[in-house]
């Protein structure tokens, strides 16, 4: 019984590894778009006084960590098919990470003007990411 469970888990894990670079890109970009929406929402809630600073910063930290993982998944992926799109996406994802990190810092400093500035930056970066063909949650 245990061997079957191990074999099943191994088969599931290996099936996930067989995704094409284009599928990996699509999945990563959907995750990035979702985290942009999360960062934007929590920033808006903080600006409106609906979210405490500690919660906002914790959420932005989680977003930052997940964005780093999405970028890392693309840098480690084999890239013959989606190479051009991945090369275009990587600097955008890095800029998104920077905007989220700056938002985290601005919330810590209680600087609403800087939070608004980074929120606008995220809007522009999201548009650029969608121009690459990324689909995901809409604002």
N, C-alpha and C. Protein backbone atom coordinates (compact mmCIF):
# COMPACT_ATOMS: atom_id res chain seq x y z
N UNK A 1 0.82 -1.18 0.00
CA UNK A 1 0.00 0.00 0.00
C UNK A 1 0.87 1.26 0.00
N UNK A 2 1.89 1.26 0.84
CA UNK A 2 2.76 2.42 0.94
C UNK A 2 3.51 2.64 -0.37
N UNK A 3 3.93 1.54 -1.03
CA UNK A 3 4.65 1.66 -2.29
C UNK A 3 3.76 2.30 -3.36
N UNK A 4 2.49 1.96 -3.35
CA UNK A 4 1.57 2.56 -4.32
C UNK A 4 1.44 4.06 -4.10
N UNK A 5 1.35 4.44 -2.85
CA UNK A 5 1.24 5.87 -2.54
C UNK A 5 2.49 6.62 -2.98
N UNK A 6 3.66 6.04 -2.71
CA UNK A 6 4.91 6.67 -3.13
C UNK A 6 4.99 6.74 -4.65
N UNK A 7 4.60 5.67 -5.32
CA UNK A 7 4.62 5.66 -6.78
C UNK A 7 3.66 6.69 -7.36
N UNK A 8 2.50 6.82 -6.75
CA UNK A 8 1.52 7.80 -7.21
C UNK A 8 2.06 9.22 -7.04
N UNK A 9 2.64 9.51 -5.88
CA UNK A 9 3.20 10.83 -5.65
C UNK A 9 4.35 11.13 -6.61
N UNK A 10 5.18 10.15 -6.87
CA UNK A 10 6.28 10.32 -7.80
C UNK A 10 5.76 10.58 -9.21
N UNK A 11 4.74 9.86 -9.62
CA UNK A 11 4.16 10.06 -10.95
C UNK A 11 3.55 11.45 -11.09
N UNK A 12 2.88 11.90 -10.05
CA UNK A 12 2.29 13.24 -10.09
C UNK A 12 3.39 14.29 -10.17
N UNK A 13 4.43 14.11 -9.38
CA UNK A 13 5.55 15.07 -9.41
C UNK A 13 6.23 15.12 -10.75
N UNK A 14 6.45 13.96 -11.35
CA UNK A 14 7.10 13.93 -12.65
C UNK A 14 6.22 14.50 -13.75
N UNK A 15 4.93 14.33 -13.63
CA UNK A 15 4.01 14.89 -14.63
C UNK A 15 4.09 16.40 -14.65
N UNK A 16 4.25 17.03 -13.47
CA UNK A 16 4.37 18.48 -13.39
C UNK A 16 5.66 18.98 -14.01
N UNK A 17 6.69 18.15 -14.00
CA UNK A 17 7.98 18.56 -14.57
C UNK A 17 7.96 18.57 -16.08
N UNK A 18 6.97 17.92 -16.70
CA UNK A 18 6.93 17.80 -18.14
C UNK A 18 6.27 18.97 -18.85
N UNK A 19 5.99 20.03 -18.13
CA UNK A 19 5.34 21.17 -18.78
C UNK A 19 6.30 21.86 -19.73
N UNK A 20 5.74 22.40 -20.79
CA UNK A 20 6.56 23.11 -21.76
C UNK A 20 6.99 24.46 -21.18
N UNK A 21 8.05 25.06 -21.73
CA UNK A 21 8.46 26.39 -21.27
C UNK A 21 7.34 27.42 -21.40
N UNK A 22 6.55 27.31 -22.46
CA UNK A 22 5.44 28.25 -22.64
C UNK A 22 4.41 28.08 -21.51
N UNK A 23 4.15 26.83 -21.10
CA UNK A 23 3.22 26.59 -19.99
C UNK A 23 3.80 27.09 -18.68
N UNK A 24 5.10 26.89 -18.49
CA UNK A 24 5.75 27.38 -17.27
C UNK A 24 5.68 28.90 -17.21
N UNK A 25 5.91 29.55 -18.35
CA UNK A 25 5.82 31.01 -18.41
C UNK A 25 4.42 31.47 -18.08
N UNK A 26 3.43 30.84 -18.69
CA UNK A 26 2.05 31.22 -18.46
C UNK A 26 1.67 31.07 -16.99
N UNK A 27 2.06 29.96 -16.38
CA UNK A 27 1.76 29.72 -14.97
C UNK A 27 2.45 30.76 -14.08
N UNK A 28 3.72 31.03 -14.37
CA UNK A 28 4.46 32.01 -13.57
C UNK A 28 3.83 33.40 -13.69
N UNK A 29 3.46 33.78 -14.91
CA UNK A 29 2.89 35.12 -15.11
C UNK A 29 1.52 35.24 -14.44
N UNK A 30 0.75 34.17 -14.43
CA UNK A 30 -0.53 34.20 -13.72
C UNK A 30 -0.29 34.42 -12.23
N UNK A 31 0.72 33.75 -11.68
CA UNK A 31 1.06 33.95 -10.27
C UNK A 31 1.51 35.37 -9.99
N UNK A 32 2.33 35.93 -10.89
CA UNK A 32 2.80 37.30 -10.73
C UNK A 32 1.62 38.27 -10.76
N UNK A 33 0.72 38.08 -11.71
CA UNK A 33 -0.46 38.95 -11.79
C UNK A 33 -1.31 38.86 -10.54
N UNK A 34 -1.44 37.68 -10.00
CA UNK A 34 -2.21 37.51 -8.77
C UNK A 34 -1.56 38.26 -7.61
N UNK A 35 -0.24 38.19 -7.51
CA UNK A 35 0.45 38.89 -6.43
C UNK A 35 0.43 40.40 -6.63
N UNK A 36 0.42 40.86 -7.87
CA UNK A 36 0.27 42.29 -8.12
C UNK A 36 -1.09 42.74 -7.57
N UNK A 37 -2.13 41.99 -7.89
CA UNK A 37 -3.47 42.32 -7.41
C UNK A 37 -3.52 42.32 -5.88
N UNK A 38 -2.87 41.35 -5.27
CA UNK A 38 -2.84 41.28 -3.81
C UNK A 38 -2.11 42.49 -3.22
N UNK A 39 -0.95 42.82 -3.78
CA UNK A 39 -0.18 43.96 -3.28
C UNK A 39 -0.96 45.26 -3.44
N UNK A 40 -1.60 45.40 -4.58
CA UNK A 40 -2.39 46.61 -4.85
C UNK A 40 -3.56 46.71 -3.86
N UNK A 41 -4.25 45.61 -3.63
CA UNK A 41 -5.40 45.60 -2.73
C UNK A 41 -4.99 45.93 -1.30
N UNK A 42 -3.93 45.29 -0.82
CA UNK A 42 -3.51 45.54 0.56
C UNK A 42 -2.98 46.96 0.71
N UNK A 43 -2.33 47.50 -0.31
CA UNK A 43 -1.86 48.89 -0.26
C UNK A 43 -3.06 49.84 -0.21
N UNK A 44 -4.06 49.57 -1.03
CA UNK A 44 -5.27 50.40 -1.02
C UNK A 44 -5.96 50.34 0.33
N UNK A 45 -6.04 49.14 0.90
CA UNK A 45 -6.67 48.99 2.21
C UNK A 45 -5.89 49.73 3.29
N UNK A 46 -4.57 49.68 3.22
CA UNK A 46 -3.75 50.41 4.19
C UNK A 46 -3.95 51.91 4.03
N UNK A 47 -3.95 52.38 2.78
CA UNK A 47 -4.15 53.82 2.53
C UNK A 47 -5.51 54.29 3.05
N UNK A 48 -6.52 53.43 2.96
CA UNK A 48 -7.87 53.78 3.41
C UNK A 48 -8.07 53.55 4.91
N UNK A 49 -7.04 53.05 5.58
CA UNK A 49 -7.15 52.81 7.01
C UNK A 49 -7.89 51.52 7.37
N UNK A 50 -8.04 50.63 6.38
CA UNK A 50 -8.77 49.37 6.62
C UNK A 50 -7.84 48.20 6.94
N UNK A 51 -6.55 48.40 6.82
CA UNK A 51 -5.60 47.31 7.12
C UNK A 51 -4.49 47.86 8.01
N UNK A 52 -4.18 47.15 9.09
CA UNK A 52 -3.09 47.61 9.95
C UNK A 52 -1.73 47.46 9.26
N UNK A 53 -0.80 48.25 9.73
CA UNK A 53 0.54 48.26 9.14
C UNK A 53 1.19 46.88 9.21
N UNK A 54 1.09 46.18 10.33
CA UNK A 54 1.74 44.87 10.47
C UNK A 54 1.19 43.87 9.44
N UNK A 55 -0.14 43.83 9.30
CA UNK A 55 -0.76 42.93 8.32
C UNK A 55 -0.33 43.29 6.90
N UNK A 56 -0.33 44.58 6.61
CA UNK A 56 0.04 45.04 5.27
C UNK A 56 1.46 44.65 4.93
N UNK A 57 2.35 44.87 5.86
CA UNK A 57 3.76 44.53 5.60
C UNK A 57 3.96 43.02 5.49
N UNK A 58 3.25 42.25 6.31
CA UNK A 58 3.36 40.78 6.23
C UNK A 58 2.85 40.29 4.87
N UNK A 59 1.76 40.87 4.40
CA UNK A 59 1.22 40.47 3.10
C UNK A 59 2.17 40.85 1.98
N UNK A 60 2.73 42.04 2.05
CA UNK A 60 3.69 42.48 1.03
C UNK A 60 4.96 41.62 1.06
N UNK A 61 5.39 41.21 2.24
CA UNK A 61 6.55 40.33 2.36
C UNK A 61 6.26 38.98 1.71
N UNK A 62 5.07 38.45 1.94
CA UNK A 62 4.69 37.18 1.31
C UNK A 62 4.64 37.34 -0.20
N UNK A 63 4.14 38.47 -0.67
CA UNK A 63 4.10 38.73 -2.11
C UNK A 63 5.52 38.76 -2.67
N UNK A 64 6.39 39.44 -1.99
CA UNK A 64 7.78 39.56 -2.45
C UNK A 64 8.45 38.19 -2.53
N UNK A 65 8.27 37.38 -1.52
CA UNK A 65 8.86 36.04 -1.51
C UNK A 65 8.31 35.19 -2.65
N UNK A 66 7.02 35.28 -2.88
CA UNK A 66 6.41 34.50 -3.96
C UNK A 66 6.84 34.99 -5.33
N UNK A 67 6.97 36.30 -5.48
CA UNK A 67 7.45 36.85 -6.76
C UNK A 67 8.88 36.38 -7.05
N UNK A 68 9.70 36.34 -6.01
CA UNK A 68 11.07 35.84 -6.18
C UNK A 68 11.05 34.39 -6.63
N UNK A 69 10.13 33.59 -6.08
CA UNK A 69 10.03 32.19 -6.47
C UNK A 69 9.56 32.05 -7.91
N UNK A 70 8.61 32.88 -8.32
CA UNK A 70 8.13 32.84 -9.71
C UNK A 70 9.27 33.18 -10.67
N UNK A 71 10.04 34.21 -10.34
CA UNK A 71 11.16 34.59 -11.20
C UNK A 71 12.20 33.47 -11.24
N UNK A 72 12.47 32.88 -10.08
CA UNK A 72 13.45 31.79 -10.03
C UNK A 72 12.98 30.59 -10.84
N UNK A 73 11.69 30.32 -10.84
CA UNK A 73 11.18 29.19 -11.63
C UNK A 73 11.40 29.42 -13.11
N UNK A 74 11.35 30.67 -13.53
CA UNK A 74 11.58 30.96 -14.95
C UNK A 74 13.06 30.93 -15.31
N UNK A 75 13.92 31.32 -14.39
CA UNK A 75 15.34 31.30 -14.71
C UNK A 75 15.89 29.89 -14.74
N UNK A 76 15.22 28.96 -14.04
CA UNK A 76 15.70 27.58 -14.03
C UNK A 76 15.02 26.72 -15.09
N UNK A 77 14.02 27.27 -15.77
CA UNK A 77 13.27 26.50 -16.75
C UNK A 77 14.06 26.37 -18.05
N UNK A 78 13.93 25.22 -18.73
CA UNK A 78 14.52 25.13 -20.07
C UNK A 78 13.80 26.12 -20.97
N UNK A 79 14.55 26.84 -21.83
CA UNK A 79 13.93 27.95 -22.52
C UNK A 79 13.99 27.94 -24.05
N UNK A 80 14.02 26.84 -24.72
CA UNK A 80 14.14 26.94 -26.17
C UNK A 80 12.91 27.53 -26.86
N UNK A 81 11.69 27.22 -26.38
CA UNK A 81 10.47 27.65 -27.06
C UNK A 81 10.07 29.06 -26.66
N UNK A 82 10.01 29.32 -25.37
CA UNK A 82 9.49 30.59 -24.87
C UNK A 82 10.62 31.53 -24.47
N UNK A 83 11.82 31.32 -25.00
CA UNK A 83 12.99 32.07 -24.59
C UNK A 83 12.78 33.57 -24.71
N UNK A 84 12.27 34.04 -25.83
CA UNK A 84 12.10 35.48 -26.05
C UNK A 84 11.12 36.07 -25.04
N UNK A 85 10.01 35.39 -24.82
CA UNK A 85 9.01 35.89 -23.88
C UNK A 85 9.55 35.87 -22.45
N UNK A 86 10.29 34.83 -22.09
CA UNK A 86 10.87 34.76 -20.75
C UNK A 86 11.88 35.87 -20.57
N UNK A 87 12.70 36.12 -21.56
CA UNK A 87 13.70 37.19 -21.47
C UNK A 87 13.03 38.55 -21.31
N UNK A 88 11.86 38.73 -21.89
CA UNK A 88 11.12 39.99 -21.72
C UNK A 88 10.45 40.05 -20.35
N UNK A 89 9.99 38.92 -19.86
CA UNK A 89 9.25 38.88 -18.59
C UNK A 89 10.16 39.06 -17.37
N UNK A 90 11.35 38.49 -17.41
CA UNK A 90 12.22 38.50 -16.23
C UNK A 90 12.51 39.91 -15.70
N UNK A 91 12.91 40.87 -16.55
CA UNK A 91 13.16 42.21 -15.99
C UNK A 91 11.88 42.88 -15.47
N UNK A 92 10.75 42.57 -16.08
CA UNK A 92 9.48 43.12 -15.58
C UNK A 92 9.17 42.57 -14.19
N UNK A 93 9.36 41.27 -14.02
CA UNK A 93 9.10 40.66 -12.72
C UNK A 93 10.04 41.24 -11.67
N UNK A 94 11.28 41.46 -12.05
CA UNK A 94 12.24 42.07 -11.12
C UNK A 94 11.80 43.48 -10.74
N UNK A 95 11.31 44.25 -11.69
CA UNK A 95 10.82 45.61 -11.40
C UNK A 95 9.57 45.56 -10.51
N UNK A 96 8.74 44.54 -10.70
CA UNK A 96 7.57 44.35 -9.84
C UNK A 96 8.03 44.05 -8.41
N UNK A 97 9.03 43.20 -8.28
CA UNK A 97 9.58 42.90 -6.96
C UNK A 97 10.08 44.17 -6.28
N UNK A 98 10.76 45.01 -7.04
CA UNK A 98 11.29 46.27 -6.49
C UNK A 98 10.14 47.17 -6.04
N UNK A 99 9.09 47.27 -6.84
CA UNK A 99 7.94 48.10 -6.46
C UNK A 99 7.26 47.57 -5.20
N UNK A 100 7.14 46.26 -5.08
CA UNK A 100 6.54 45.68 -3.87
C UNK A 100 7.45 45.93 -2.67
N UNK A 101 8.76 45.78 -2.84
CA UNK A 101 9.70 46.03 -1.74
C UNK A 101 9.64 47.50 -1.32
N UNK A 102 9.53 48.40 -2.27
CA UNK A 102 9.43 49.83 -1.94
C UNK A 102 8.10 50.14 -1.24
N UNK A 103 7.05 49.45 -1.64
CA UNK A 103 5.77 49.62 -0.96
C UNK A 103 5.88 49.14 0.48
N UNK A 104 6.50 47.99 0.68
CA UNK A 104 6.73 47.45 2.03
C UNK A 104 7.47 48.48 2.88
N UNK A 105 8.52 49.05 2.31
CA UNK A 105 9.33 50.05 3.02
C UNK A 105 8.50 51.30 3.33
N UNK A 106 7.72 51.76 2.36
CA UNK A 106 6.91 52.97 2.55
C UNK A 106 5.85 52.77 3.63
N UNK A 107 5.25 51.59 3.67
CA UNK A 107 4.26 51.30 4.73
C UNK A 107 4.96 51.33 6.08
N UNK A 108 6.15 50.77 6.16
CA UNK A 108 6.90 50.78 7.41
C UNK A 108 7.23 52.19 7.87
N UNK A 109 7.45 53.09 6.93
CA UNK A 109 7.78 54.49 7.24
C UNK A 109 6.52 55.35 7.35
N UNK A 110 5.37 54.74 7.18
CA UNK A 110 4.08 55.43 7.18
C UNK A 110 4.14 56.61 6.19
N UNK A 111 4.43 56.28 4.93
CA UNK A 111 4.58 57.27 3.86
C UNK A 111 3.54 57.00 2.78
N UNK A 112 2.32 57.53 2.95
CA UNK A 112 1.25 57.26 1.99
C UNK A 112 1.58 57.72 0.56
N UNK A 113 2.29 58.81 0.43
CA UNK A 113 2.62 59.30 -0.91
C UNK A 113 3.50 58.29 -1.65
N UNK A 114 4.46 57.71 -0.96
CA UNK A 114 5.33 56.71 -1.58
C UNK A 114 4.55 55.44 -1.90
N UNK A 115 3.60 55.07 -1.04
CA UNK A 115 2.77 53.89 -1.31
C UNK A 115 1.95 54.13 -2.58
N UNK A 116 1.35 55.32 -2.71
CA UNK A 116 0.58 55.64 -3.93
C UNK A 116 1.47 55.59 -5.18
N UNK A 117 2.67 56.11 -5.04
CA UNK A 117 3.61 56.11 -6.18
C UNK A 117 3.94 54.68 -6.62
N UNK A 118 4.20 53.80 -5.67
CA UNK A 118 4.53 52.41 -6.01
C UNK A 118 3.31 51.67 -6.52
N UNK A 119 2.14 52.02 -6.03
CA UNK A 119 0.92 51.40 -6.53
C UNK A 119 0.72 51.76 -7.99
N UNK A 120 0.98 53.01 -8.34
CA UNK A 120 0.90 53.41 -9.75
C UNK A 120 1.95 52.67 -10.59
N UNK A 121 3.13 52.50 -10.02
CA UNK A 121 4.18 51.75 -10.72
C UNK A 121 3.71 50.32 -11.00
N UNK A 122 3.06 49.71 -10.02
CA UNK A 122 2.55 48.34 -10.21
C UNK A 122 1.50 48.30 -11.31
N UNK A 123 0.65 49.33 -11.40
CA UNK A 123 -0.35 49.38 -12.47
C UNK A 123 0.33 49.36 -13.84
N UNK A 124 1.36 50.19 -14.00
CA UNK A 124 2.08 50.25 -15.27
C UNK A 124 2.80 48.95 -15.59
N UNK A 125 3.40 48.36 -14.59
CA UNK A 125 4.12 47.10 -14.80
C UNK A 125 3.15 45.98 -15.13
N UNK A 126 1.98 46.00 -14.51
CA UNK A 126 0.97 45.00 -14.84
C UNK A 126 0.55 45.12 -16.31
N UNK A 127 0.37 46.33 -16.77
CA UNK A 127 0.00 46.55 -18.18
C UNK A 127 1.07 45.99 -19.11
N UNK A 128 2.32 46.22 -18.76
CA UNK A 128 3.42 45.70 -19.58
C UNK A 128 3.44 44.18 -19.57
N UNK A 129 3.17 43.59 -18.42
CA UNK A 129 3.16 42.13 -18.31
C UNK A 129 2.01 41.56 -19.14
N UNK A 130 0.86 42.20 -19.07
CA UNK A 130 -0.29 41.74 -19.87
C UNK A 130 -0.01 41.88 -21.36
N UNK A 131 0.76 42.86 -21.74
CA UNK A 131 1.12 43.04 -23.15
C UNK A 131 1.96 41.86 -23.67
N UNK A 132 2.62 41.17 -22.75
CA UNK A 132 3.37 39.96 -23.13
C UNK A 132 2.44 38.76 -23.35
N UNK A 133 1.17 38.97 -23.05
CA UNK A 133 0.23 37.88 -23.23
C UNK A 133 -0.18 37.23 -21.93
N UNK A 134 0.22 37.81 -20.81
CA UNK A 134 -0.15 37.23 -19.52
C UNK A 134 -1.63 37.42 -19.25
N UNK A 135 -2.24 36.35 -18.77
CA UNK A 135 -3.64 36.42 -18.37
C UNK A 135 -3.71 36.11 -16.89
N UNK A 136 -4.67 36.64 -16.26
CA UNK A 136 -4.82 36.37 -14.82
C UNK A 136 -5.98 37.16 -14.28
N UNK A 137 -5.93 37.40 -12.99
CA UNK A 137 -7.01 38.14 -12.36
C UNK A 137 -7.00 39.57 -12.87
N UNK A 138 -8.17 40.09 -13.12
CA UNK A 138 -8.28 41.47 -13.54
C UNK A 138 -8.54 42.33 -12.33
N UNK A 139 -8.08 43.58 -12.36
CA UNK A 139 -8.23 44.44 -11.18
C UNK A 139 -9.68 44.72 -10.87
